[in-house]
Every structure is written in structure tokens, then in C-alpha cells.
N, C-alpha and C. Protein backbone atom coordinates (compact mmCIF):
# COMPACT_ATOMS: atom_id res chain seq x y z
N MET A 1 23.66 -15.32 23.16
CA MET A 1 24.51 -16.54 23.76
C MET A 1 25.75 -15.76 24.58
N LEU A 2 26.24 -14.75 23.95
CA LEU A 2 27.39 -13.96 24.78
C LEU A 2 26.87 -13.27 25.99
N ILE A 3 25.83 -12.69 25.82
CA ILE A 3 25.28 -11.97 27.05
C ILE A 3 24.76 -13.08 28.10
N GLN A 4 24.36 -14.42 27.82
CA GLN A 4 24.01 -15.21 28.81
C GLN A 4 25.28 -15.93 29.39
N LEU A 5 26.33 -16.06 28.74
CA LEU A 5 27.65 -16.37 29.21
C LEU A 5 28.41 -15.29 30.16
N ALA A 6 28.33 -13.94 29.77
CA ALA A 6 28.55 -12.96 30.62
C ALA A 6 27.98 -12.92 31.93
N GLU A 7 26.57 -13.15 31.73
CA GLU A 7 25.72 -13.03 33.05
C GLU A 7 26.13 -14.23 33.87
N PHE A 8 26.22 -15.64 33.36
CA PHE A 8 26.79 -16.66 34.07
C PHE A 8 27.83 -16.37 35.04
N PHE A 9 29.09 -15.85 34.31
CA PHE A 9 30.33 -15.60 34.60
C PHE A 9 30.45 -14.17 35.37
N ASP A 10 29.47 -13.63 35.44
CA ASP A 10 29.34 -12.22 36.08
C ASP A 10 30.52 -11.40 35.59
N VAL A 11 30.56 -11.33 34.37
CA VAL A 11 31.56 -10.57 33.62
C VAL A 11 31.02 -9.77 32.45
N SER A 12 31.75 -8.79 31.87
CA SER A 12 31.04 -8.01 30.78
C SER A 12 31.32 -8.72 29.40
N VAL A 13 30.65 -8.57 28.39
CA VAL A 13 30.59 -9.32 26.98
C VAL A 13 32.18 -8.67 26.67
N ASP A 14 32.49 -7.45 26.78
CA ASP A 14 34.10 -7.05 26.48
C ASP A 14 34.78 -7.77 26.94
N TYR A 15 34.92 -8.27 28.26
CA TYR A 15 35.79 -9.14 28.84
C TYR A 15 35.76 -10.38 28.23
N LEU A 16 34.49 -10.93 27.97
CA LEU A 16 34.56 -12.45 27.11
C LEU A 16 35.30 -12.27 25.66
N LEU A 17 35.18 -11.19 25.19
CA LEU A 17 35.62 -10.97 23.88
C LEU A 17 37.31 -10.74 23.72
N ALA A 18 37.80 -10.51 25.04
CA ALA A 18 39.20 -10.25 25.23
C ALA A 18 39.26 -8.71 24.92
N ARG A 19 38.27 -7.81 24.89
CA ARG A 19 38.46 -6.29 24.67
C ARG A 19 38.67 -5.51 25.81
N SER A 20 38.75 -6.25 27.02
CA SER A 20 39.04 -5.59 28.24
C SER A 20 39.69 -6.85 28.94
N THR A 21 40.48 -6.21 29.63
CA THR A 21 41.53 -7.00 30.54
C THR A 21 40.69 -7.16 32.01
N TYR A 22 39.73 -6.17 32.25
CA TYR A 22 38.93 -6.56 33.64
C TYR A 22 37.57 -6.21 33.22
N TYR A 23 36.66 -6.64 34.19
CA TYR A 23 35.39 -6.54 33.94
C TYR A 23 34.58 -5.61 35.02
N PHE A 24 33.58 -5.23 34.71
CA PHE A 24 32.65 -4.49 35.73
C PHE A 24 31.18 -5.30 35.63
N PRO A 25 30.81 -5.88 36.92
CA PRO A 25 29.55 -6.14 36.81
C PRO A 25 28.50 -5.35 36.73
N ASP A 26 27.49 -5.46 36.13
CA ASP A 26 26.73 -4.53 35.99
C ASP A 26 25.94 -3.88 37.13
N GLU A 27 25.70 -4.90 38.41
CA GLU A 27 25.10 -4.57 39.34
C GLU A 27 25.88 -3.51 40.36
N ILE A 28 27.14 -3.63 40.43
CA ILE A 28 28.03 -3.17 41.22
C ILE A 28 28.30 -1.51 40.68
N TYR A 29 28.83 -1.18 39.39
CA TYR A 29 28.94 0.11 38.89
C TYR A 29 28.11 0.54 38.02
N SER A 30 27.74 2.12 38.04
CA SER A 30 26.89 2.64 37.04
C SER A 30 27.91 3.12 35.87
N GLU A 31 27.26 3.29 34.74
CA GLU A 31 27.86 3.68 33.55
C GLU A 31 28.89 4.79 33.86
N GLU A 32 28.67 5.73 34.63
CA GLU A 32 29.58 6.79 34.96
C GLU A 32 30.64 6.45 35.81
N GLU A 33 30.52 5.47 36.74
CA GLU A 33 31.73 4.73 37.39
C GLU A 33 32.63 4.19 36.63
N LYS A 34 32.03 3.57 35.90
CA LYS A 34 32.76 2.48 34.82
C LYS A 34 33.59 3.65 33.87
N ARG A 35 32.98 4.58 33.46
CA ARG A 35 33.76 5.37 32.65
C ARG A 35 34.94 6.19 33.56
N LEU A 36 34.56 6.58 34.61
CA LEU A 36 35.67 7.16 35.60
C LEU A 36 36.88 6.30 35.85
N ILE A 37 36.44 4.97 36.09
CA ILE A 37 37.61 3.93 36.28
C ILE A 37 38.42 3.62 35.11
N ASP A 38 37.77 3.85 33.95
CA ASP A 38 38.59 3.57 32.61
C ASP A 38 39.26 4.78 32.48
N ASN A 39 38.91 6.04 32.87
CA ASN A 39 40.02 7.15 32.43
C ASN A 39 40.89 7.18 33.48
N TYR A 40 40.49 6.83 34.67
CA TYR A 40 41.64 6.85 35.85
C TYR A 40 42.77 5.71 35.53
N ARG A 41 42.39 4.66 34.84
CA ARG A 41 43.55 3.27 34.51
C ARG A 41 44.27 3.97 33.46
N ASP A 42 43.77 5.02 32.21
CA ASP A 42 44.59 5.28 31.39
C ASP A 42 45.51 6.47 31.89
N LEU A 43 45.22 6.85 32.89
CA LEU A 43 46.24 7.87 33.31
C LEU A 43 47.71 7.48 33.79
N ASN A 44 48.85 8.41 33.54
CA ASN A 44 49.97 7.93 34.19
C ASN A 44 50.15 8.12 35.62
N ASP A 45 51.24 7.65 36.09
CA ASP A 45 51.37 7.76 37.75
C ASP A 45 51.06 9.13 38.11
N ASP A 46 51.73 10.02 37.38
CA ASP A 46 51.45 11.63 38.03
C ASP A 46 50.22 12.05 37.81
N GLY A 47 49.56 11.52 36.79
CA GLY A 47 47.77 11.93 36.61
C GLY A 47 47.08 11.33 37.71
N LYS A 48 47.34 10.03 38.14
CA LYS A 48 46.69 9.35 39.26
C LYS A 48 46.73 9.86 40.54
N LYS A 49 48.21 10.54 40.79
CA LYS A 49 48.66 11.19 42.16
C LYS A 49 47.60 12.40 42.11
N LEU A 50 47.83 13.07 41.09
CA LEU A 50 46.94 14.36 40.93
C LEU A 50 45.44 14.23 41.06
N VAL A 51 44.80 13.20 40.52
CA VAL A 51 43.43 12.90 40.67
C VAL A 51 43.20 12.30 42.36
N ASP A 52 44.10 11.54 42.94
CA ASP A 52 43.87 11.25 44.04
C ASP A 52 44.03 12.50 45.21
N SER A 53 44.80 13.26 44.97
CA SER A 53 45.18 14.47 45.62
C SER A 53 43.63 15.37 45.63
N MET A 54 43.00 15.42 44.30
CA MET A 54 41.92 16.28 44.23
C MET A 54 40.86 15.60 45.05
N ILE A 55 40.53 14.42 44.99
CA ILE A 55 39.68 13.81 45.66
C ILE A 55 39.73 13.91 47.09
N LYS A 56 40.81 13.87 47.63
CA LYS A 56 41.04 13.81 49.12
C LYS A 56 40.68 15.44 49.44
N THR A 57 40.99 16.19 48.59
CA THR A 57 40.67 17.73 48.86
C THR A 57 39.00 18.07 48.91
N LEU A 58 38.20 17.60 47.76
CA LEU A 58 36.87 17.49 47.78
C LEU A 58 36.33 16.82 49.01
N LEU A 59 36.83 15.87 49.52
CA LEU A 59 36.30 15.08 50.59
C LEU A 59 36.34 15.58 51.90
N THR A 60 37.43 16.56 52.17
CA THR A 60 37.68 17.10 53.28
C THR A 60 36.77 18.28 53.69
N PRO A 61 35.96 18.31 54.80
CA PRO A 61 34.92 19.40 55.07
C PRO A 61 35.76 20.43 54.90
N SER A 62 34.99 21.72 54.16
CA SER A 62 35.67 23.20 53.96
C SER A 62 35.90 23.78 55.45
N GLY A 63 35.10 23.59 56.31
CA GLY A 63 35.34 24.37 57.65
C GLY A 63 36.51 23.75 58.54
N ARG A 64 36.90 22.54 58.13
CA ARG A 64 37.67 21.80 59.07
C ARG A 64 39.10 22.47 59.23
N SER A 65 39.84 22.91 58.28
CA SER A 65 41.07 23.72 58.61
C SER A 65 40.80 24.90 59.16
N GLU A 66 39.93 25.59 59.27
CA GLU A 66 39.45 26.80 59.94
C GLU A 66 39.35 26.56 61.31
N GLN A 67 38.57 25.55 61.55
CA GLN A 67 38.56 24.90 63.06
C GLN A 67 39.72 24.68 63.82
N ASN A 68 40.56 23.90 62.98
CA ASN A 68 42.01 23.62 63.66
C ASN A 68 42.71 24.88 63.92
N ASN A 69 42.74 25.82 63.00
CA ASN A 69 43.60 27.05 63.30
C ASN A 69 43.10 27.77 64.39
N LYS A 70 41.54 27.76 64.79
CA LYS A 70 41.07 28.54 65.88
C LYS A 70 41.29 27.77 67.17
N ILE A 71 41.56 26.45 67.19
CA ILE A 71 41.88 25.67 68.38
C ILE A 71 43.14 25.95 69.21
N SER A 72 44.16 26.19 68.10
CA SER A 72 45.66 26.47 68.52
C SER A 72 45.80 27.78 68.93
């Protein structure tokens, strides 16, 4: 019955049982993404800033800074 309610409202069973204040629709996030989001939300502000900075660094192409230096 809980699973049917969760599917109807597009929420997790944990959300229905008040074990979570947010929900993850299953078709949107993988288990790994849900774990990462949970961990991120548990961080303090400094930890979140550090993660954001690391992500930006990882997403920046490695050769980009070298190309900018050659142009000038």
C-alpha cells in the first residue's frame, strides 16, 4: 500500500513515513546520485563551498588555462 501511495504521489516511501524531508523520484536520480545529494546536504557551508569549488575544477578542461596563457 505504501509503495502504491508513493508511486501515485511520485515521492519516496521514506518521504511518506516522514523519515525524509525531501523526496527523490526514482526515474530522475540513480542511487549514486541520491547518495551524493544526501551527503552534500549533510555538509556545513564550508564543506559545500569546497565541494562546489572541486566540481568547478573537475569540469574545467585541463588545457584551457594553458591556452589562455599562450594567447597573451
